[in-house]
Amino acid sequence: MRAIVVCLAATLALAGCDTYRRMKETTFTPLGGGVYTYTAKLGADSEQDIVDSEPFRISNLEFYLRENRLCPAGYVVEQRELLKTGESLRGAFYDAHYRIRCR
């Protein structure tokens, strides 16, 4: 029984961390007319890290849309832009900007 409680507590803590990270590292701004901008902050040790993390960013975007009941018929990414915002010894930092339109 104690193991179940510990596992449940760990699962809830991890879920809370994911929600906090999503809120801290992403922004979602309505522009009107079913158009939104979604920005995700990311760090990359290499160009491949940027490619590999794309599904995670899209998953976060879709989570936000679903949780807020936006774009029930889907969406289209009209523009995607990657802007370098800084560098460190481990790699570069970027903001990935997406302009989306609801269908």
PDB file of N, CA and C in Angstrom:
ATOM      1  N   MET A   1       0.824  -1.198   0.000  1.00  0.00           N
ATOM      2  CA  MET A   1       0.000   0.000   0.000  1.00  0.00           C
ATOM      3  C   MET A   1       0.866   1.259   0.000  1.00  0.00           C
ATOM      4  N   ARG A   2       1.915   1.217   0.800  1.00  0.00           N
ATOM      5  CA  ARG A   2       2.804   2.384   0.875  1.00  0.00           C
ATOM      6  C   ARG A   2       3.454   2.668  -0.490  1.00  0.00           C
ATOM      7  N   ALA A   3       3.814   1.597  -1.196  1.00  0.00           N
ATOM      8  CA  ALA A   3       4.429   1.757  -2.519  1.00  0.00           C
ATOM      9  C   ALA A   3       3.459   2.420  -3.487  1.00  0.00           C
ATOM     10  N   ILE A   4       2.194   2.076  -3.395  1.00  0.00           N
ATOM     11  CA  ILE A   4       1.190   2.685  -4.268  1.00  0.00           C
ATOM     12  C   ILE A   4       1.078   4.182  -3.987  1.00  0.00           C
ATOM     13  N   VAL A   5       1.065   4.549  -2.722  1.00  0.00           N
ATOM     14  CA  VAL A   5       0.978   5.958  -2.346  1.00  0.00           C
ATOM     15  C   VAL A   5       2.198   6.722  -2.845  1.00  0.00           C
ATOM     16  N   VAL A   6       3.382   6.132  -2.691  1.00  0.00           N
ATOM     17  CA  VAL A   6       4.610   6.774  -3.150  1.00  0.00           C
ATOM     18  C   VAL A   6       4.590   6.940  -4.667  1.00  0.00           C
ATOM     19  N   CYS A   7       4.169   5.912  -5.389  1.00  0.00           N
ATOM     20  CA  CYS A   7       4.096   5.991  -6.854  1.00  0.00           C
ATOM     21  C   CYS A   7       3.085   7.046  -7.294  1.00  0.00           C
ATOM     22  N   LEU A   8       1.946   7.103  -6.626  1.00  0.00           N
ATOM     23  CA  LEU A   8       0.931   8.096  -6.967  1.00  0.00           C
ATOM     24  C   LEU A   8       1.452   9.508  -6.709  1.00  0.00           C
ATOM     25  N   ALA A   9       2.110   9.710  -5.596  1.00  0.00           N
ATOM     26  CA  ALA A   9       2.672  11.025  -5.274  1.00  0.00           C
ATOM     27  C   ALA A   9       3.731  11.432  -6.293  1.00  0.00           C
ATOM     28  N   ALA A  10       4.568  10.495  -6.694  1.00  0.00           N
ATOM     29  CA  ALA A  10       5.610  10.786  -7.684  1.00  0.00           C
ATOM     30  C   ALA A  10       4.984  11.141  -9.032  1.00  0.00           C
ATOM     31  N   THR A  11       3.951  10.430  -9.411  1.00  0.00           N
ATOM     32  CA  THR A  11       3.267  10.705 -10.678  1.00  0.00           C
ATOM     33  C   THR A  11       2.641  12.097 -10.671  1.00  0.00           C
ATOM     34  N   LEU A  12       1.992  12.462  -9.587  1.00  0.00           N
ATOM     35  CA  LEU A  12       1.383  13.783  -9.488  1.00  0.00           C
ATOM     36  C   LEU A  12       2.446  14.877  -9.498  1.00  0.00           C
ATOM     37  N   ALA A  13       3.564  14.637  -8.837  1.00  0.00           N
ATOM     38  CA  ALA A  13       4.645  15.629  -8.819  1.00  0.00           C
ATOM     39  C   ALA A  13       5.201  15.837 -10.220  1.00  0.00           C
ATOM     40  N   LEU A  14       5.401  14.750 -10.954  1.00  0.00           N
ATOM     41  CA  LEU A  14       5.908  14.866 -12.319  1.00  0.00           C
ATOM     42  C   LEU A  14       4.912  15.582 -13.219  1.00  0.00           C
ATOM     43  N   ALA A  15       3.644  15.306 -13.055  1.00  0.00           N
ATOM     44  CA  ALA A  15       2.619  15.985 -13.851  1.00  0.00           C
ATOM     45  C   ALA A  15       2.626  17.475 -13.541  1.00  0.00           C
ATOM     46  N   GLY A  16       2.786  17.829 -12.295  1.00  0.00           N
ATOM     47  CA  GLY A  16       2.865  19.233 -11.911  1.00  0.00           C
ATOM     48  C   GLY A  16       4.075  19.911 -12.512  1.00  0.00           C
ATOM     49  N   CYS A  17       5.209  19.212 -12.541  1.00  0.00           N
ATOM     50  CA  CYS A  17       6.428  19.776 -13.135  1.00  0.00           C
ATOM     51  C   CYS A  17       6.234  20.031 -14.626  1.00  0.00           C
ATOM     52  N   ASP A  18       5.581  19.100 -15.302  1.00  0.00           N
ATOM     53  CA  ASP A  18       5.354  19.254 -16.735  1.00  0.00           C
ATOM     54  C   ASP A  18       4.451  20.457 -17.009  1.00  0.00           C
ATOM     55  N   THR A  19       3.406  20.620 -16.201  1.00  0.00           N
ATOM     56  CA  THR A  19       2.502  21.761 -16.368  1.00  0.00           C
ATOM     57  C   THR A  19       3.246  23.065 -16.107  1.00  0.00           C
ATOM     58  N   TYR A  20       4.056  23.097 -15.059  1.00  0.00           N
ATOM     59  CA  TYR A  20       4.825  24.304 -14.738  1.00  0.00           C
ATOM     60  C   TYR A  20       5.787  24.642 -15.870  1.00  0.00           C
ATOM     61  N   ARG A  21       6.490  23.631 -16.370  1.00  0.00           N
ATOM     62  CA  ARG A  21       7.439  23.858 -17.465  1.00  0.00           C
ATOM     63  C   ARG A  21       6.721  24.360 -18.705  1.00  0.00           C
ATOM     64  N   ARG A  22       5.563  23.772 -19.004  1.00  0.00           N
ATOM     65  CA  ARG A  22       4.796  24.199 -20.175  1.00  0.00           C
ATOM     66  C   ARG A  22       4.393  25.663 -20.029  1.00  0.00           C
ATOM     67  N   MET A  23       3.958  26.072 -18.842  1.00  0.00           N
ATOM     68  CA  MET A  23       3.543  27.454 -18.620  1.00  0.00           C
ATOM     69  C   MET A  23       4.730  28.410 -18.670  1.00  0.00           C
ATOM     70  N   LYS A  24       5.879  27.968 -18.175  1.00  0.00           N
ATOM     71  CA  LYS A  24       7.058  28.826 -18.112  1.00  0.00           C
ATOM     72  C   LYS A  24       7.734  28.981 -19.472  1.00  0.00           C
ATOM     73  N   GLU A  25       7.720  27.941 -20.270  1.00  0.00           N
ATOM     74  CA  GLU A  25       8.493  27.923 -21.503  1.00  0.00           C
ATOM     75  C   GLU A  25       7.685  28.195 -22.763  1.00  0.00           C
ATOM     76  N   THR A  26       6.385  28.407 -22.628  1.00  0.00           N
ATOM     77  CA  THR A  26       5.564  28.669 -23.811  1.00  0.00           C
ATOM     78  C   THR A  26       4.623  29.843 -23.551  1.00  0.00           C
ATOM     79  N   THR A  27       4.255  30.528 -24.633  1.00  0.00           N
ATOM     80  CA  THR A  27       3.219  31.557 -24.563  1.00  0.00           C
ATOM     81  C   THR A  27       2.252  31.337 -25.712  1.00  0.00           C
ATOM     82  N   PHE A  28       1.030  31.734 -25.485  1.00  0.00           N
ATOM     83  CA  PHE A  28      -0.033  31.569 -26.475  1.00  0.00           C
ATOM     84  C   PHE A  28      -0.804  32.877 -26.511  1.00  0.00           C
ATOM     85  N   THR A  29      -0.826  33.531 -27.662  1.00  0.00           N
ATOM     86  CA  THR A  29      -1.432  34.854 -27.771  1.00  0.00           C
ATOM     87  C   THR A  29      -2.495  34.880 -28.865  1.00  0.00           C
ATOM     88  N   PRO A  30      -3.746  35.199 -28.508  1.00  0.00           N
ATOM     89  CA  PRO A  30      -4.777  35.346 -29.540  1.00  0.00           C
ATOM     90  C   PRO A  30      -4.586  36.648 -30.306  1.00  0.00           C
ATOM     91  N   LEU A  31      -4.700  36.572 -31.622  1.00  0.00           N
ATOM     92  CA  LEU A  31      -4.578  37.757 -32.471  1.00  0.00           C
ATOM     93  C   LEU A  31      -5.931  38.190 -33.021  1.00  0.00           C
ATOM     94  N   GLY A  32      -6.949  37.362 -32.838  1.00  0.00           N
ATOM     95  CA  GLY A  32      -8.287  37.657 -33.345  1.00  0.00           C
ATOM     96  C   GLY A  32      -8.589  36.884 -34.610  1.00  0.00           C
ATOM     97  N   GLY A  33      -9.858  36.626 -34.838  1.00  0.00           N
ATOM     98  CA  GLY A  33     -10.279  35.934 -36.046  1.00  0.00           C
ATOM     99  C   GLY A  33      -9.802  34.500 -36.140  1.00  0.00           C
ATOM    100  N   GLY A  34      -9.612  33.850 -35.005  1.00  0.00           N
ATOM    101  CA  GLY A  34      -9.146  32.460 -35.014  1.00  0.00           C
ATOM    102  C   GLY A  34      -7.675  32.303 -35.332  1.00  0.00           C
ATOM    103  N   VAL A  35      -6.907  33.378 -35.168  1.00  0.00           N
ATOM    104  CA  VAL A  35      -5.465  33.349 -35.415  1.00  0.00           C
ATOM    105  C   VAL A  35      -4.746  33.534 -34.083  1.00  0.00           C
ATOM    106  N   TYR A  36      -3.685  32.753 -33.882  1.00  0.00           N
ATOM    107  CA  TYR A  36      -2.935  32.769 -32.628  1.00  0.00           C
ATOM    108  C   TYR A  36      -1.446  32.701 -32.914  1.00  0.00           C
ATOM    109  N   THR A  37      -0.663  33.190 -31.962  1.00  0.00           N
ATOM    110  CA  THR A  37       0.773  32.928 -31.999  1.00  0.00           C
ATOM    111  C   THR A  37       1.110  32.052 -30.803  1.00  0.00           C
ATOM    112  N   TYR A  38       1.957  31.099 -31.042  1.00  0.00           N
ATOM    113  CA  TYR A  38       2.440  30.180 -30.023  1.00  0.00           C
ATOM    114  C   TYR A  38       3.955  30.275 -30.057  1.00  0.00           C
ATOM    115  N   THR A  39       4.561  30.542 -28.905  1.00  0.00           N
ATOM    116  CA  THR A  39       6.011  30.662 -28.814  1.00  0.00           C
ATOM    117  C   THR A  39       6.521  29.676 -27.779  1.00  0.00           C
ATOM    118  N   ALA A  40       7.552  28.940 -28.148  1.00  0.00           N
ATOM    119  CA  ALA A  40       8.182  27.988 -27.240  1.00  0.00           C
ATOM    120  C   ALA A  40       9.665  28.301 -27.138  1.00  0.00           C
ATOM    121  N   LYS A  41      10.157  28.375 -25.915  1.00  0.00           N
ATOM    122  CA  LYS A  41      11.588  28.595 -25.686  1.00  0.00           C
ATOM    123  C   LYS A  41      12.282  27.243 -25.709  1.00  0.00           C
ATOM    124  N   LEU A  42      13.458  27.198 -26.333  1.00  0.00           N
ATOM    125  CA  LEU A  42      14.191  25.940 -26.356  1.00  0.00           C
ATOM    126  C   LEU A  42      15.684  26.189 -26.367  1.00  0.00           C
ATOM    127  N   GLY A  43      16.387  25.240 -25.830  1.00  0.00           N
ATOM    128  CA  GLY A  43      17.840  25.230 -25.878  1.00  0.00           C
ATOM    129  C   GLY A  43      18.268  24.048 -26.718  1.00  0.00           C
ATOM    130  N   ALA A  44      19.385  24.180 -27.390  1.00  0.00           N
ATOM    131  CA  ALA A  44      19.809  23.104 -28.287  1.00  0.00           C
ATOM    132  C   ALA A  44      21.320  22.934 -28.229  1.00  0.00           C
ATOM    133  N   ASP A  45      21.743  21.711 -28.037  1.00  0.00           N
ATOM    134  CA  ASP A  45      23.163  21.398 -28.117  1.00  0.00           C
ATOM    135  C   ASP A  45      23.586  21.272 -29.572  1.00  0.00           C
ATOM    136  N   SER A  46      22.622  20.993 -30.449  1.00  0.00           N
ATOM    137  CA  SER A  46      22.913  20.830 -31.869  1.00  0.00           C
ATOM    138  C   SER A  46      21.655  21.135 -32.675  1.00  0.00           C
ATOM    139  N   GLU A  47      21.825  21.253 -33.969  1.00  0.00           N
ATOM    140  CA  GLU A  47      20.670  21.462 -34.852  1.00  0.00           C
ATOM    141  C   GLU A  47      19.699  20.286 -34.761  1.00  0.00           C
ATOM    142  N   GLN A  48      20.219  19.083 -34.533  1.00  0.00           N
ATOM    143  CA  GLN A  48      19.361  17.902 -34.443  1.00  0.00           C
ATOM    144  C   GLN A  48      18.415  17.993 -33.246  1.00  0.00           C
ATOM    145  N   ASP A  49      18.851  18.635 -32.153  1.00  0.00           N
ATOM    146  CA  ASP A  49      17.980  18.808 -30.996  1.00  0.00           C
ATOM    147  C   ASP A  49      16.728  19.608 -31.358  1.00  0.00           C
ATOM    148  N   ILE A  50      16.890  20.583 -32.224  1.00  0.00           N
ATOM    149  CA  ILE A  50      15.757  21.407 -32.648  1.00  0.00           C
ATOM    150  C   ILE A  50      14.752  20.545 -33.406  1.00  0.00           C
ATOM    151  N   VAL A  51      15.247  19.726 -34.295  1.00  0.00           N
ATOM    152  CA  VAL A  51      14.386  18.832 -35.077  1.00  0.00           C
ATOM    153  C   VAL A  51      13.717  17.808 -34.160  1.00  0.00           C
ATOM    154  N   ASP A  52      14.481  17.220 -33.264  1.00  0.00           N
ATOM    155  CA  ASP A  52      13.951  16.181 -32.381  1.00  0.00           C
ATOM    156  C   ASP A  52      12.901  16.700 -31.413  1.00  0.00           C
ATOM    157  N   SER A  53      12.968  17.975 -31.040  1.00  0.00           N
ATOM    158  CA  SER A  53      12.016  18.513 -30.065  1.00  0.00           C
ATOM    159  C   SER A  53      10.747  19.077 -30.709  1.00  0.00           C
ATOM    160  N   GLU A  54      10.668  19.088 -32.026  1.00  0.00           N
ATOM    161  CA  GLU A  54       9.482  19.612 -32.710  1.00  0.00           C
ATOM    162  C   GLU A  54       8.196  18.877 -32.318  1.00  0.00           C
ATOM    163  N   PRO A  55       8.180  17.542 -32.265  1.00  0.00           N
ATOM    164  CA  PRO A  55       6.943  16.860 -31.854  1.00  0.00           C
ATOM    165  C   PRO A  55       6.498  17.247 -30.441  1.00  0.00           C
ATOM    166  N   PHE A  56       7.440  17.486 -29.548  1.00  0.00           N
ATOM    167  CA  PHE A  56       7.107  17.904 -28.184  1.00  0.00           C
ATOM    168  C   PHE A  56       6.435  19.282 -28.201  1.00  0.00           C
ATOM    169  N   ARG A  57       6.968  20.205 -28.996  1.00  0.00           N
ATOM    170  CA  ARG A  57       6.375  21.543 -29.081  1.00  0.00           C
ATOM    171  C   ARG A  57       4.967  21.476 -29.664  1.00  0.00           C
ATOM    172  N   ILE A  58       4.783  20.699 -30.705  1.00  0.00           N
ATOM    173  CA  ILE A  58       3.455  20.560 -31.315  1.00  0.00           C
ATOM    174  C   ILE A  58       2.493  19.899 -30.331  1.00  0.00           C
ATOM    175  N   SER A  59       2.963  18.935 -29.579  1.00  0.00           N
ATOM    176  CA  SER A  59       2.134  18.290 -28.559  1.00  0.00           C
ATOM    177  C   SER A  59       1.669  19.298 -27.516  1.00  0.00           C
ATOM    178  N   ASN A  60       2.555  20.184 -27.084  1.00  0.00           N
ATOM    179  CA  ASN A  60       2.180  21.218 -26.122  1.00  0.00           C
ATOM    180  C   ASN A  60       1.156  22.182 -26.715  1.00  0.00           C
ATOM    181  N   LEU A  61       1.346  22.553 -27.977  1.00  0.00           N
ATOM    182  CA  LEU A  61       0.388  23.422 -28.654  1.00  0.00           C
ATOM    183  C   LEU A  61      -0.982  22.759 -28.707  1.00  0.00           C
ATOM    184  N   GLU A  62      -1.033  21.510 -29.109  1.00  0.00           N
ATOM    185  CA  GLU A  62      -2.303  20.797 -29.224  1.00  0.00           C
ATOM    186  C   GLU A  62      -2.956  20.599 -27.859  1.00  0.00           C
ATOM    187  N   PHE A  63      -2.150  20.393 -26.825  1.00  0.00           N
ATOM    188  CA  PHE A  63      -2.675  20.284 -25.467  1.00  0.00           C
ATOM    189  C   PHE A  63      -3.378  21.585 -25.079  1.00  0.00           C
ATOM    190  N   TYR A  64      -2.732  22.719 -25.341  1.00  0.00           N
ATOM    191  CA  TYR A  64      -3.312  24.020 -25.007  1.00  0.00           C
ATOM    192  C   TYR A  64      -4.621  24.239 -25.760  1.00  0.00           C
ATOM    193  N   LEU A  65      -4.625  23.947 -27.041  1.00  0.00           N
ATOM    194  CA  LEU A  65      -5.840  24.110 -27.844  1.00  0.00           C
ATOM    195  C   LEU A  65      -6.975  23.246 -27.310  1.00  0.00           C
ATOM    196  N   ARG A  66      -6.658  21.999 -26.979  1.00  0.00           N
ATOM    197  CA  ARG A  66      -7.669  21.069 -26.472  1.00  0.00           C
ATOM    198  C   ARG A  66      -8.198  21.527 -25.106  1.00  0.00           C
ATOM    199  N   GLU A  67      -7.304  21.895 -24.194  1.00  0.00           N
ATOM    200  CA  GLU A  67      -7.690  22.306 -22.841  1.00  0.00           C
ATOM    201  C   GLU A  67      -8.545  23.572 -22.855  1.00  0.00           C
ATOM    202  N   ASN A  68      -8.328  24.438 -23.825  1.00  0.00           N
ATOM    203  CA  ASN A  68      -9.059  25.699 -23.904  1.00  0.00           C
ATOM    204  C   ASN A  68     -10.170  25.687 -24.943  1.00  0.00           C
ATOM    205  N   ARG A  69     -10.430  24.503 -25.496  1.00  0.00           N
ATOM    206  CA  ARG A  69     -11.504  24.297 -26.476  1.00  0.00           C
ATOM    207  C   ARG A  69     -11.403  25.258 -27.650  1.00  0.00           C
ATOM    208  N   LEU A  70     -10.199  25.373 -28.162  1.00  0.00           N
ATOM    209  CA  LEU A  70      -9.944  26.220 -29.324  1.00  0.00           C
ATOM    210  C   LEU A  70      -9.696  25.335 -30.540  1.00  0.00           C
ATOM    211  N   CYS A  71     -10.045  25.817 -31.689  1.00  0.00           N
ATOM    212  CA  CYS A  71      -9.813  25.121 -32.963  1.00  0.00           C
ATOM    213  C   CYS A  71     -10.354  23.689 -32.962  1.00  0.00           C
ATOM    214  N   PRO A  72     -11.643  23.495 -32.646  1.00  0.00           N
ATOM    215  CA  PRO A  72     -12.176  22.127 -32.599  1.00  0.00           C
ATOM    216  C   PRO A  72     -12.110  21.396 -33.938  1.00  0.00           C
ATOM    217  N   ALA A  73     -12.061  22.130 -35.040  1.00  0.00           N
ATOM    218  CA  ALA A  73     -11.975  21.498 -36.364  1.00  0.00           C
ATOM    219  C   ALA A  73     -10.525  21.379 -36.840  1.00  0.00           C
ATOM    220  N   GLY A  74      -9.587  21.692 -35.959  1.00  0.00           N
ATOM    221  CA  GLY A  74      -8.174  21.604 -36.319  1.00  0.00           C
ATOM    222  C   GLY A  74      -7.576  22.974 -36.583  1.00  0.00           C
ATOM    223  N   TYR A  75      -6.330  22.965 -36.991  1.00  0.00           N
ATOM    224  CA  TYR A  75      -5.612  24.221 -37.220  1.00  0.00           C
ATOM    225  C   TYR A  75      -4.581  24.025 -38.315  1.00  0.00           C
ATOM    226  N   VAL A  76      -4.092  25.141 -38.819  1.00  0.00           N
ATOM    227  CA  VAL A  76      -3.046  25.145 -39.835  1.00  0.00           C
ATOM    228  C   VAL A  76      -1.925  26.039 -39.315  1.00  0.00           C
ATOM    229  N   VAL A  77      -0.686  25.569 -39.412  1.00  0.00           N
ATOM    230  CA  VAL A  77       0.461  26.416 -39.080  1.00  0.00           C
ATOM    231  C   VAL A  77       0.746  27.261 -40.317  1.00  0.00           C
ATOM    232  N   GLU A  78       0.491  28.561 -40.206  1.00  0.00           N
ATOM    233  CA  GLU A  78       0.706  29.461 -41.336  1.00  0.00           C
ATOM    234  C   GLU A  78       2.163  29.894 -41.447  1.00  0.00           C
ATOM    235  N   GLN A  79       2.815  29.990 -40.315  1.00  0.00           N
ATOM    236  CA  GLN A  79       4.211  30.443 -40.314  1.00  0.00           C
ATOM    237  C   GLN A  79       4.930  29.821 -39.126  1.00  0.00           C
ATOM    238  N   ARG A  80       6.167  29.420 -39.343  1.00  0.00           N
ATOM    239  CA  ARG A  80       7.030  28.898 -38.285  1.00  0.00           C
ATOM    240  C   ARG A  80       8.378  29.585 -38.437  1.00  0.00           C
ATOM    241  N   GLU A  81       8.848  30.168 -37.338  1.00  0.00           N
ATOM    242  CA  GLU A  81      10.103  30.906 -37.383  1.00  0.00           C
ATOM    243  C   GLU A  81      10.923  30.559 -36.145  1.00  0.00           C
ATOM    244  N   LEU A  82      12.187  30.317 -36.355  1.00  0.00           N
ATOM    245  CA  LEU A  82      13.107  29.990 -35.266  1.00  0.00           C
ATOM    246  C   LEU A  82      14.085  31.148 -35.107  1.00  0.00           C
ATOM    247  N   LEU A  83      14.065  31.784 -33.941  1.00  0.00           N
ATOM    248  CA  LEU A  83      14.938  32.928 -33.689  1.00  0.00           C
ATOM    249  C   LEU A  83      15.948  32.593 -32.603  1.00  0.00           C
ATOM    250  N   LYS A  84      17.220  32.791 -32.900  1.00  0.00           N
ATOM    251  CA  LYS A  84      18.274  32.554 -31.923  1.00  0.00           C
ATOM    252  C   LYS A  84      18.256  33.699 -30.913  1.00  0.00           C
ATOM    253  N   THR A  85      18.178  33.361 -29.624  1.00  0.00           N
ATOM    254  CA  THR A  85      18.080  34.384 -28.588  1.00  0.00           C
ATOM    255  C   THR A  85      19.314  34.464 -27.695  1.00  0.00           C
ATOM    256  N   GLY A  86      20.233  33.507 -27.831  1.00  0.00           N
ATOM    257  CA  GLY A  86      21.437  33.539 -27.018  1.00  0.00           C
ATOM    258  C   GLY A  86      22.272  32.288 -27.193  1.00  0.00           C
ATOM    259  N   GLU A  87      23.425  32.281 -26.512  1.00  0.00           N
ATOM    260  CA  GLU A  87      24.325  31.131 -26.565  1.00  0.00           C
ATOM    261  C   GLU A  87      24.936  30.892 -25.206  1.00  0.00           C
ATOM    262  N   SER A  88      25.339  29.650 -24.990  1.00  0.00           N
ATOM    263  CA  SER A  88      26.081  29.276 -23.793  1.00  0.00           C
ATOM    264  C   SER A  88      27.147  28.265 -24.216  1.00  0.00           C
ATOM    265  N   LEU A  89      27.899  27.788 -23.277  1.00  0.00           N
ATOM    266  CA  LEU A  89      28.916  26.781 -23.589  1.00  0.00           C
ATOM    267  C   LEU A  89      28.282  25.475 -24.070  1.00  0.00           C
ATOM    268  N   ARG A  90      27.055  25.203 -23.652  1.00  0.00           N
ATOM    269  CA  ARG A  90      26.381  23.958 -24.034  1.00  0.00           C
ATOM    270  C   ARG A  90      25.666  24.048 -25.367  1.00  0.00           C
ATOM    271  N   GLY A  91      25.400  25.245 -25.841  1.00  0.00           N
ATOM    272  CA  GLY A  91      24.676  25.378 -27.102  1.00  0.00           C
ATOM    273  C   GLY A  91      23.941  26.693 -27.163  1.00  0.00           C
ATOM    274  N   ALA A  92      23.032  26.776 -28.088  1.00  0.00           N
ATOM    275  CA  ALA A  92      22.295  28.016 -28.333  1.00  0.00           C
ATOM    276  C   ALA A  92      20.891  27.933 -27.744  1.00  0.00           C
ATOM    277  N   PHE A  93      20.288  29.105 -27.572  1.00  0.00           N
ATOM    278  CA  PHE A  93      18.903  29.215 -27.122  1.00  0.00           C
ATOM    279  C   PHE A  93      18.085  29.829 -28.253  1.00  0.00           C
ATOM    280  N   TYR A  94      16.877  29.338 -28.398  1.00  0.00           N
ATOM    281  CA  TYR A  94      16.007  29.784 -29.477  1.00  0.00           C
ATOM    282  C   TYR A  94      14.596  30.016 -28.969  1.00  0.00           C
ATOM    283  N   ASP A  95      13.852  30.827 -29.696  1.00  0.00           N
ATOM    284  CA  ASP A  95      12.406  30.915 -29.559  1.00  0.00           C
ATOM    285  C   ASP A  95      11.824  30.401 -30.865  1.00  0.00           C
ATOM    286  N   ALA A  96      10.934  29.439 -30.759  1.00  0.00           N
ATOM    287  CA  ALA A  96      10.222  28.934 -31.931  1.00  0.00           C
ATOM    288  C   ALA A  96       8.856  29.617 -31.948  1.00  0.00           C
ATOM    289  N   HIS A  97       8.584  30.391 -32.989  1.00  0.00           N
ATOM    290  CA  HIS A  97       7.321  31.124 -33.125  1.00  0.00           C
ATOM    291  C   HIS A  97       6.467  30.439 -34.184  1.00  0.00           C
ATOM    292  N   TYR A  98       5.216  30.190 -33.816  1.00  0.00           N
ATOM    293  CA  TYR A  98       4.256  29.594 -34.744  1.00  0.00           C
ATOM    294  C   TYR A  98       3.055  30.538 -34.849  1.00  0.00           C
ATOM    295  N   ARG A  99       2.640  30.794 -36.059  1.00  0.00           N
ATOM    296  CA  ARG A  99       1.387  31.519 -36.283  1.00  0.00           C
ATOM    297  C   ARG A  99       0.412  30.468 -36.787  1.00  0.00           C
ATOM    298  N   ILE A 100      -0.677  30.288 -36.049  1.00  0.00           N
ATOM    299  CA  ILE A 100      -1.651  29.257 -36.427  1.00  0.00           C
ATOM    300  C   ILE A 100      -3.004  29.900 -36.701  1.00  0.00           C
ATOM    301  N   ARG A 101      -3.777  29.214 -37.532  1.00  0.00           N
ATOM    302  CA  ARG A 101      -5.139  29.654 -37.845  1.00  0.00           C
ATOM    303  C   ARG A 101      -6.057  28.449 -37.673  1.00  0.00           C
ATOM    304  N   CYS A 102      -7.160  28.690 -36.978  1.00  0.00           N
ATOM    305  CA  CYS A 102      -8.161  27.624 -36.818  1.00  0.00           C
ATOM    306  C   CYS A 102      -8.866  27.370 -38.146  1.00  0.00           C
ATOM    307  N   ARG A 103      -9.204  26.119 -38.369  1.00  0.00           N
ATOM    308  CA  ARG A 103      -9.954  25.753 -39.592  1.00  0.00           C
ATOM    309  C   ARG A 103     -11.425  26.024 -39.400  1.00  0.00           C
TER     310      ARG A 103
END
